[in-house]
């Protein structure tokens, strides 16, 4: 895989460089609530612009239905990118139409443009190779060189991620090079003890990665909504907690495998419960109570790991040489149920090892809860991509950048 440093050494002045970024940031109306993904692509864009390239940045945002939708416009992201670069950014109001063509044609050396949401075009996400390829041909007409730097999308077989690199000289940007380097530390050359903390809502989203980690990790800590399927698999009452009953047989199998292989698969010993899901907008008090994990009342739902579990998980992370964390421990967006996620984040900071926050809600939690991002070893921009890499899958966007 060629990197952007090799491209820069070859010279990019005057060349149109297409940067597939991941500007898929959360919005409250037109206000960006977390600009982490935009900040992550700045080093690549700045290096290219400083070297005299005419930079064309493209990304998706949200899940529009293959047609323009103002609610998913990249305009706020383009504005924020310009602020971070300290430069004026041209913005095309389409992706491959008249505005995009004119905007790119108007770029001078060292200038940057952002084109509108790639997913406003049905060809971007099409499962039909010909339709996707036709859209990639239109994108290729905008550029001379391709730089892949949207790690959060590399697990997608989309036109701008998979098909476009085959049509242009292609290189990996700084972000993708960093993300892949980190993931190799979690798979190829792991320093031990290797501890993995997994949370989030659905156990089905994590089964494949647990399957792989049972052969690689020393300890796996389970929290979040997915923990209640594990507790149910052990025969415990879980009340009205989030539960995927169809996954119980698979979970039971993994519990048995962990025991046989000597992997510590650690479950909550207590949990915060309430009678109903909290009001997330008003942030009204949730009136939680702490109960033992094997003594949950039938009419209550679990919403966070309890204080004893926080201590337990911190102790299991204390001597880790390598840590991977993906998924919050509870409903961290509500102050009554944020302490479990805070405790795991703090345990990562206190750990002497190499700590990786695996993107998605975990990365959002770190920022929302006020932690210093620079204190972690790495915060990924792609939760789904990270998990699929750890599952051993071939990621289309990375495969496309290989020579």
Protein backbone atom coordinates (compact mmCIF):
# COMPACT_ATOMS: atom_id res chain seq x y z
CA UNK A 1 0.00 0.00 0.00
CA UNK A 2 1.53 3.28 -1.12
CA UNK A 3 1.20 6.17 1.30
CA UNK A 4 0.72 9.89 0.94
CA UNK A 5 4.40 10.46 1.74
CA UNK A 6 5.31 8.61 -1.44
CA UNK A 7 2.83 10.72 -3.39
CA UNK A 8 4.26 13.93 -1.95
CA UNK A 9 7.78 12.84 -2.84
CA UNK A 10 6.65 12.36 -6.44
CA UNK A 11 5.23 15.89 -6.52
CA UNK A 12 1.58 16.96 -6.55
CA UNK A 13 1.74 20.63 -7.53
CA UNK A 14 -1.03 21.37 -10.00
CA UNK A 15 -2.54 17.89 -9.75
CA UNK A 16 -6.17 17.33 -8.82
CA UNK A 17 -6.13 15.00 -5.81
CA UNK A 18 -9.37 13.33 -4.79
CA UNK A 19 -9.42 12.70 -1.03
CA UNK A 20 -12.07 10.24 0.12
CA UNK A 21 -12.55 11.48 3.67
CA UNK A 22 -15.01 10.54 6.39
CA UNK A 23 -16.87 13.71 7.30
CA UNK A 24 -19.86 11.75 8.60
CA UNK A 25 -20.26 13.84 11.73
CA UNK A 26 -23.30 14.08 14.03
CA UNK A 27 -25.46 17.14 13.45
CA UNK A 28 -28.03 18.98 15.53
CA UNK A 29 -29.76 20.76 12.68
CA UNK A 30 -26.75 22.35 10.97
CA UNK A 31 -24.60 22.44 14.12
CA UNK A 32 -21.83 19.82 14.36
CA UNK A 33 -21.86 18.18 17.78
CA UNK A 34 -18.58 16.24 17.37
CA UNK A 35 -15.99 17.29 14.78
CA UNK A 36 -13.51 14.50 15.54
CA UNK A 37 -13.69 12.93 12.09
CA UNK A 38 -13.14 16.27 10.38
CA UNK A 39 -10.09 16.99 12.52
CA UNK A 40 -8.74 13.54 11.70
CA UNK A 41 -8.46 14.26 7.96
CA UNK A 42 -6.89 17.72 8.34
CA UNK A 43 -3.24 16.50 8.28
CA UNK A 44 -3.75 14.79 4.91
CA UNK A 45 -5.63 17.69 3.32
CA UNK A 46 -3.20 20.28 4.67
CA UNK A 47 -0.12 18.36 3.48
CA UNK A 48 -1.55 18.08 -0.04
CA UNK A 49 -2.63 21.72 -0.20
CA UNK A 50 0.71 22.93 1.16
CA UNK A 51 2.42 20.94 -1.58
CA UNK A 52 0.39 22.71 -4.26
CA UNK A 53 -2.25 20.08 -5.00
CA UNK A 54 -5.76 21.03 -6.03
CA UNK A 55 -7.61 19.05 -3.36
CA UNK A 56 -11.10 17.65 -3.91
CA UNK A 57 -12.58 16.30 -0.67
CA UNK A 58 -15.54 13.92 -0.80
CA UNK A 59 -17.51 12.05 1.85
CA UNK A 60 -20.87 10.64 2.78
CA UNK A 61 -22.99 11.88 5.67
CA UNK A 62 -25.88 9.90 7.12
CA UNK A 63 -28.12 7.64 5.09
CA UNK A 64 -29.94 9.65 2.41
CA UNK A 65 -31.90 7.57 -0.09
CA UNK A 66 -29.67 8.08 -3.14
CA UNK A 67 -31.05 11.57 -3.83
CA UNK A 68 -30.36 15.08 -2.51
CA UNK A 69 -31.69 15.74 0.99
CA UNK A 70 -30.86 19.08 2.69
CA UNK A 71 -30.83 17.39 6.11
CA UNK A 72 -27.70 15.49 5.06
CA UNK A 73 -25.79 18.26 3.31
CA UNK A 74 -22.02 18.36 3.80
CA UNK A 75 -22.06 22.17 3.86
CA UNK A 76 -21.58 22.40 7.67
CA UNK A 77 -18.68 19.95 7.48
CA UNK A 78 -17.10 21.93 4.65
CA UNK A 79 -17.33 25.11 6.70
CA UNK A 80 -15.73 23.42 9.69
CA UNK A 81 -12.94 21.95 7.55
CA UNK A 82 -12.17 25.45 6.29
CA UNK A 83 -12.02 26.75 9.85
CA UNK A 84 -9.60 24.01 10.88
CA UNK A 85 -7.41 24.62 7.82
CA UNK A 86 -7.56 28.37 8.24
CA UNK A 87 -8.47 28.70 4.57
CA UNK A 88 -11.44 29.41 2.34
CA UNK A 89 -13.06 26.19 1.11
CA UNK A 90 -14.99 26.00 -2.13
CA UNK A 91 -18.20 23.97 -1.87
CA UNK A 92 -19.93 22.24 -4.77
CA UNK A 93 -23.67 21.84 -4.39
CA UNK A 94 -23.59 18.50 -6.23
CA UNK A 95 -21.11 15.64 -6.49
CA UNK A 96 -20.51 15.01 -10.19
CA UNK A 97 -22.73 17.61 -11.83
CA UNK A 98 -22.21 21.13 -13.15
CA UNK A 99 -21.36 22.65 -9.77
CA UNK A 100 -18.73 20.02 -8.99
CA UNK A 101 -17.13 20.32 -12.42
CA UNK A 102 -17.01 24.11 -12.25
CA UNK A 103 -15.79 24.17 -8.65
CA UNK A 104 -12.94 21.76 -9.33
CA UNK A 105 -12.02 23.53 -12.56
CA UNK A 106 -11.81 26.80 -10.62
CA UNK A 107 -9.29 25.53 -8.08
CA UNK A 108 -5.83 27.04 -8.08
CA UNK A 109 -2.76 25.22 -6.78
CA UNK A 110 -3.03 24.74 -3.00
CA UNK A 111 -6.77 25.28 -2.85
CA UNK A 112 -9.38 22.91 -1.45
CA UNK A 113 -12.94 22.09 -2.46
CA UNK A 114 -15.57 19.86 -0.88
CA UNK A 115 -18.22 18.25 -3.08
CA UNK A 116 -21.71 17.46 -1.82
CA UNK A 117 -22.69 14.20 -0.10
CA UNK A 118 -21.66 11.17 -2.15
CA UNK A 119 -24.78 9.30 -1.08
CA UNK A 120 -26.98 11.83 -2.87
CA UNK A 121 -26.11 9.63 -5.85
CA UNK A 122 -27.61 6.13 -6.04
CA UNK A 123 -24.44 4.80 -7.69
CA UNK A 124 -22.36 5.33 -4.55
CA UNK A 125 -23.97 2.54 -2.54
CA UNK A 126 -25.43 0.43 -5.36
CA UNK A 127 -24.98 -3.34 -5.18
CA UNK A 128 -24.89 -3.40 -8.98
CA UNK A 129 -21.27 -3.33 -10.15
CA UNK A 130 -22.10 -1.54 -13.39
CA UNK A 131 -24.08 1.24 -11.71
CA UNK A 132 -21.41 1.69 -9.07
CA UNK A 133 -18.69 1.65 -11.73
CA UNK A 134 -20.47 4.29 -13.81
CA UNK A 135 -20.56 6.61 -10.81
CA UNK A 136 -16.88 5.90 -10.11
CA UNK A 137 -16.11 6.90 -13.72
CA UNK A 138 -17.81 10.25 -13.13
CA UNK A 139 -15.85 10.79 -9.92
CA UNK A 140 -12.60 9.86 -11.66
CA UNK A 141 -13.16 12.66 -14.16
CA UNK A 142 -12.70 15.14 -11.32
CA UNK A 143 -9.19 14.06 -10.39
CA UNK A 144 -5.74 12.84 -11.40
CA UNK A 145 -4.89 11.00 -8.18
CA UNK A 146 -6.85 9.23 -5.42
CA UNK A 147 -6.04 9.37 -1.70
CA UNK A 148 -8.08 7.13 0.59
CA UNK A 149 -8.40 8.62 4.08
CA UNK A 150 -11.95 7.79 5.14
CA UNK A 151 -11.25 4.92 7.51
CA UNK A 152 -14.81 4.90 8.82
CA UNK A 153 -16.01 3.77 5.38
CA UNK A 154 -13.34 1.25 4.33
CA UNK A 155 -15.54 -1.70 5.27
CA UNK A 156 -18.07 -0.59 2.62
CA UNK A 157 -17.97 -1.76 -0.99
CA UNK A 158 -18.99 1.67 -2.26
CA UNK A 159 -18.03 3.46 -5.45
CA UNK A 160 -15.82 6.12 -3.88
CA UNK A 161 -14.18 3.60 -1.55
CA UNK A 162 -13.73 0.49 -3.69
CA UNK A 163 -14.26 1.24 -7.38
CA UNK A 164 -12.66 4.68 -7.72
CA UNK A 165 -9.13 3.69 -6.59
CA UNK A 166 -8.96 1.20 -9.46
CA UNK A 167 -9.42 4.07 -11.90
CA UNK A 168 -6.69 6.38 -10.59
CA UNK A 169 -3.20 6.16 -9.08
CA UNK A 170 -4.02 5.53 -5.42
CA UNK A 171 -2.43 6.15 -2.04
CA UNK A 172 -3.36 5.85 1.63
CA UNK A 173 -3.70 9.08 3.58
CA UNK A 174 -2.19 9.69 7.00
CA UNK A 175 -5.33 8.65 8.88
CA UNK A 176 -5.71 5.28 7.18
CA UNK A 177 -2.01 4.56 7.55
CA UNK A 178 -2.27 5.31 11.27
CA UNK A 179 -5.45 3.29 11.77
CA UNK A 180 -4.02 0.23 10.00
CA UNK A 181 -0.81 0.49 11.99
CA UNK A 182 -2.79 0.52 15.23
CA UNK A 183 -4.93 -2.44 14.21
CA UNK A 184 -1.83 -4.47 13.42
CA UNK A 185 -0.71 -3.89 17.00
CA UNK A 186 -4.00 -5.48 18.06
CA UNK A 187 -3.66 -8.50 15.78
CA UNK A 188 -0.13 -9.24 14.60
CA UNK A 189 2.21 -8.11 17.36
CA UNK A 190 0.19 -7.95 20.57
CA UNK A 191 1.84 -7.10 23.87
CA UNK A 192 0.26 -8.93 26.82
CA UNK A 193 -1.80 -8.94 28.90
CA UNK A 194 -4.25 -8.05 26.11
CA UNK A 195 -7.58 -6.87 27.54
CA UNK A 196 -10.68 -6.08 25.49
CA UNK A 197 -13.68 -4.17 26.83
CA UNK A 198 -16.85 -4.55 24.75
CA UNK A 199 -20.12 -2.71 25.28
CA UNK A 200 -22.89 -1.23 23.24
CA UNK A 201 -26.47 -2.27 22.69
CA UNK A 202 -26.55 -5.46 20.65
CA UNK A 203 -24.57 -8.62 21.31
CA UNK A 204 -25.19 -9.64 17.68
CA UNK A 205 -22.96 -6.75 16.57
CA UNK A 206 -20.05 -8.15 18.57
CA UNK A 207 -20.34 -11.96 18.25
CA UNK A 208 -17.97 -12.24 15.30
CA UNK A 209 -15.27 -10.18 17.00
CA UNK A 210 -15.70 -12.12 20.26
CA UNK A 211 -15.24 -15.31 18.24
CA UNK A 212 -11.86 -14.05 17.02
CA UNK A 213 -10.79 -12.52 20.32
CA UNK A 214 -11.33 -15.79 22.21
CA UNK A 215 -8.17 -16.95 20.44
CA UNK A 216 -6.23 -13.72 20.97
CA UNK A 217 -7.24 -11.82 24.12
CA UNK A 218 -6.34 -12.65 27.72
CA UNK A 219 -9.45 -10.98 29.16
CA UNK A 220 -12.73 -9.80 27.66
CA UNK A 221 -14.91 -7.45 29.75
CA UNK A 222 -18.59 -7.25 28.78
CA UNK A 223 -20.85 -4.26 29.47
CA UNK A 224 -23.59 -2.19 27.91
CA UNK A 225 -26.92 -3.53 26.71
CA UNK A 226 -25.23 -6.63 25.31
CA UNK A 227 -24.29 -7.74 28.84
CA UNK A 228 -27.87 -8.70 29.63
CA UNK A 229 -27.91 -11.39 26.94
CA UNK A 230 -24.79 -12.83 28.58
CA UNK A 231 -26.41 -12.67 32.03
CA UNK A 232 -29.56 -14.32 30.68
CA UNK A 233 -27.39 -17.05 29.14
CA UNK A 234 -26.14 -17.78 32.67
CA UNK A 235 -29.73 -18.20 33.83
CA UNK A 236 -30.16 -14.81 35.52
CA UNK A 237 -33.30 -12.68 35.50
CA UNK A 238 -32.77 -9.55 33.38
CA UNK A 239 -36.18 -7.92 33.75
CA UNK A 240 -37.06 -5.63 30.85
CA UNK A 241 -33.39 -5.02 29.92
CA UNK A 242 -32.27 -5.10 26.32
CA UNK A 243 -32.15 -8.78 25.38
CA UNK A 244 -31.48 -10.75 22.19
CA UNK A 245 -32.91 -14.14 23.06
CA UNK A 246 -32.00 -15.62 19.68
CA UNK A 247 -28.32 -15.03 20.49
CA UNK A 248 -28.35 -16.92 23.80
CA UNK A 249 -27.13 -20.26 22.32
CA UNK A 250 -24.14 -18.53 20.69
CA UNK A 251 -23.35 -16.67 23.90
CA UNK A 252 -23.50 -19.90 25.91
CA UNK A 253 -21.07 -21.48 23.47
CA UNK A 254 -18.64 -18.56 23.87
CA UNK A 255 -18.86 -18.75 27.66
CA UNK A 256 -17.92 -22.43 27.46
CA UNK A 257 -15.11 -21.76 24.98
CA UNK A 258 -13.68 -19.01 27.16
CA UNK A 259 -13.60 -21.31 30.17
CA UNK A 260 -11.90 -24.11 28.23
CA UNK A 261 -9.32 -21.82 26.60
CA UNK A 262 -8.42 -19.96 29.80
CA UNK A 263 -9.66 -16.58 28.56
CA UNK A 264 -11.25 -14.50 31.31
CA UNK A 265 -14.70 -13.50 30.06
CA UNK A 266 -15.80 -11.06 32.75
CA UNK A 267 -19.44 -10.09 33.25
CA UNK A 268 -21.02 -7.42 35.48
CA UNK A 269 -21.46 -8.34 39.13
CA UNK A 270 -23.93 -5.50 39.73
CA UNK A 271 -25.96 -3.16 37.61
CA UNK A 272 -27.93 0.11 37.76
CA UNK A 273 -31.62 -0.46 37.09
CA UNK A 274 -34.71 1.70 36.67
CA UNK A 275 -38.35 1.17 35.83
CA UNK A 276 -38.12 2.80 32.42
CA UNK A 277 -35.67 4.19 29.90
CA UNK A 278 -34.57 7.72 30.89
CA UNK A 279 -35.75 10.88 29.17
CA UNK A 280 -32.72 11.68 27.01
CA UNK A 281 -33.77 15.20 26.04
CA UNK A 282 -34.88 16.55 29.39
CA UNK A 283 -32.19 14.61 31.30
CA UNK A 284 -34.66 14.26 34.16
CA UNK A 285 -33.46 12.10 37.06
CA UNK A 286 -33.66 8.40 36.28
CA UNK A 287 -33.91 7.32 39.95
CA UNK A 288 -31.62 4.32 39.47
CA UNK A 289 -30.94 1.68 42.07
CA UNK A 290 -28.03 -0.72 42.27
CA UNK A 291 -28.74 -4.45 42.35
CA UNK A 292 -26.58 -7.55 42.13
CA UNK A 293 -26.36 -8.93 38.60
CA UNK A 294 -28.03 -12.16 39.72
CA UNK A 295 -30.83 -10.38 41.60
CA UNK A 296 -32.43 -8.05 39.07
CA UNK A 297 -36.13 -7.32 39.73
CA UNK A 298 -38.44 -8.61 37.02
CA UNK A 299 -39.96 -5.21 36.30
CA UNK A 300 -36.71 -3.25 35.96
CA UNK A 301 -34.22 -2.64 33.16
CA UNK A 302 -30.45 -2.47 33.42
CA UNK A 303 -28.95 0.82 32.17
CA UNK A 304 -25.33 0.82 33.38
CA UNK A 305 -22.77 -1.33 35.15
CA UNK A 306 -22.79 -0.89 38.92
CA UNK A 307 -20.10 0.44 41.28
CA UNK A 308 -18.62 -2.98 42.13
CA UNK A 309 -18.36 -3.82 38.44
CA UNK A 310 -16.59 -0.51 37.79
CA UNK A 311 -13.99 -1.43 40.41
CA UNK A 312 -13.70 -4.95 39.02
CA UNK A 313 -13.20 -3.78 35.44
CA UNK A 314 -10.66 -1.15 36.51
CA UNK A 315 -8.68 -3.90 38.28
CA UNK A 316 -8.80 -6.09 35.17
CA UNK A 317 -7.43 -3.21 33.08
CA UNK A 318 -4.78 -2.08 35.56
CA UNK A 319 -1.94 -4.33 34.35
CA UNK A 320 -2.87 -4.44 30.66
CA UNK A 321 -0.11 -3.97 28.11
CA UNK A 322 -2.68 -3.65 25.30
CA UNK A 323 -6.30 -2.50 25.59
CA UNK A 324 -9.05 -2.30 22.97
CA UNK A 325 -12.36 -0.74 24.00
CA UNK A 326 -15.44 -0.65 21.79
CA UNK A 327 -18.88 0.27 23.08
CA UNK A 328 -20.12 2.21 26.13
CA UNK A 329 -20.93 0.44 29.39
CA UNK A 330 -24.34 2.07 29.75
CA UNK A 331 -26.58 4.90 28.58
CA UNK A 332 -23.73 7.39 28.94
CA UNK A 333 -25.69 10.22 27.33
CA UNK A 334 -27.73 10.49 30.55
CA UNK A 335 -25.78 11.65 33.63
CA UNK A 336 -27.36 9.01 35.88
CA UNK A 337 -25.98 6.21 33.70
CA UNK A 338 -22.62 7.58 32.60
CA UNK A 339 -20.45 6.41 35.49
CA UNK A 340 -19.70 2.95 34.08
CA UNK A 341 -18.44 4.36 30.80
CA UNK A 342 -16.48 7.02 32.68
CA UNK A 343 -14.87 4.34 34.83
CA UNK A 344 -13.69 2.31 31.85
CA UNK A 345 -12.36 5.42 30.10
CA UNK A 346 -10.49 6.43 33.25
CA UNK A 347 -9.10 2.90 33.62
CA UNK A 348 -7.70 3.15 30.10
CA UNK A 349 -6.02 6.43 31.02
CA UNK A 350 -4.57 4.84 34.16
CA UNK A 351 -3.37 1.76 32.30
CA UNK A 352 0.37 1.61 31.54
CA UNK A 353 -0.28 -0.11 28.22
CA UNK A 354 -1.19 0.87 24.66
CA UNK A 355 -4.85 1.92 24.74
CA UNK A 356 -7.18 2.01 21.74
CA UNK A 357 -10.68 3.47 21.78
CA UNK A 358 -12.46 1.70 18.95
CA UNK A 359 -14.45 4.49 17.38
CA UNK A 360 -18.23 4.93 17.21
CA UNK A 361 -20.06 5.56 20.47
CA UNK A 362 -16.90 4.93 22.52
CA UNK A 363 -15.11 7.81 20.81
CA UNK A 364 -18.20 9.99 21.20
CA UNK A 365 -18.34 9.11 24.89
CA UNK A 366 -14.71 10.09 25.46
CA UNK A 367 -15.40 13.52 24.02
CA UNK A 368 -18.84 13.98 25.57
CA UNK A 369 -17.61 13.07 29.03
CA UNK A 370 -14.73 15.54 28.86
CA UNK A 371 -11.68 13.28 28.67
CA UNK A 372 -8.44 14.46 27.08
CA UNK A 373 -8.31 12.67 23.71
CA UNK A 374 -4.53 12.99 23.53
CA UNK A 375 -4.13 10.91 26.70
CA UNK A 376 -5.29 7.74 24.94
CA UNK A 377 -2.97 5.75 22.72
CA UNK A 378 -5.37 6.03 19.79
CA UNK A 379 -9.01 6.95 19.20
CA UNK A 380 -10.29 5.31 16.03
CA UNK A 381 -12.58 7.12 13.62
CA UNK A 382 -14.25 3.90 12.51
CA UNK A 383 -15.97 1.61 14.98
CA UNK A 384 -17.49 -0.69 12.37
CA UNK A 385 -14.31 -0.82 10.31
CA UNK A 386 -12.19 -1.57 13.38
CA UNK A 387 -14.44 -4.43 14.45
CA UNK A 388 -14.50 -5.99 10.98
CA UNK A 389 -10.71 -5.80 10.79
CA UNK A 390 -10.44 -7.54 14.16
CA UNK A 391 -12.93 -10.14 12.91
CA UNK A 392 -10.39 -10.99 10.20
CA UNK A 393 -12.51 -9.73 7.33
CA UNK A 394 -11.06 -8.22 4.16
CA UNK A 395 -12.06 -4.55 4.09
CA UNK A 396 -12.89 -3.44 0.52
CA UNK A 397 -11.48 0.06 0.96
CA UNK A 398 -8.13 -1.23 2.20
CA UNK A 399 -7.95 -3.95 -0.43
CA UNK A 400 -8.53 -1.29 -3.10
CA UNK A 401 -5.48 0.66 -1.92
CA UNK A 402 -3.16 -2.35 -2.21
CA UNK A 403 -0.97 -2.41 -5.30
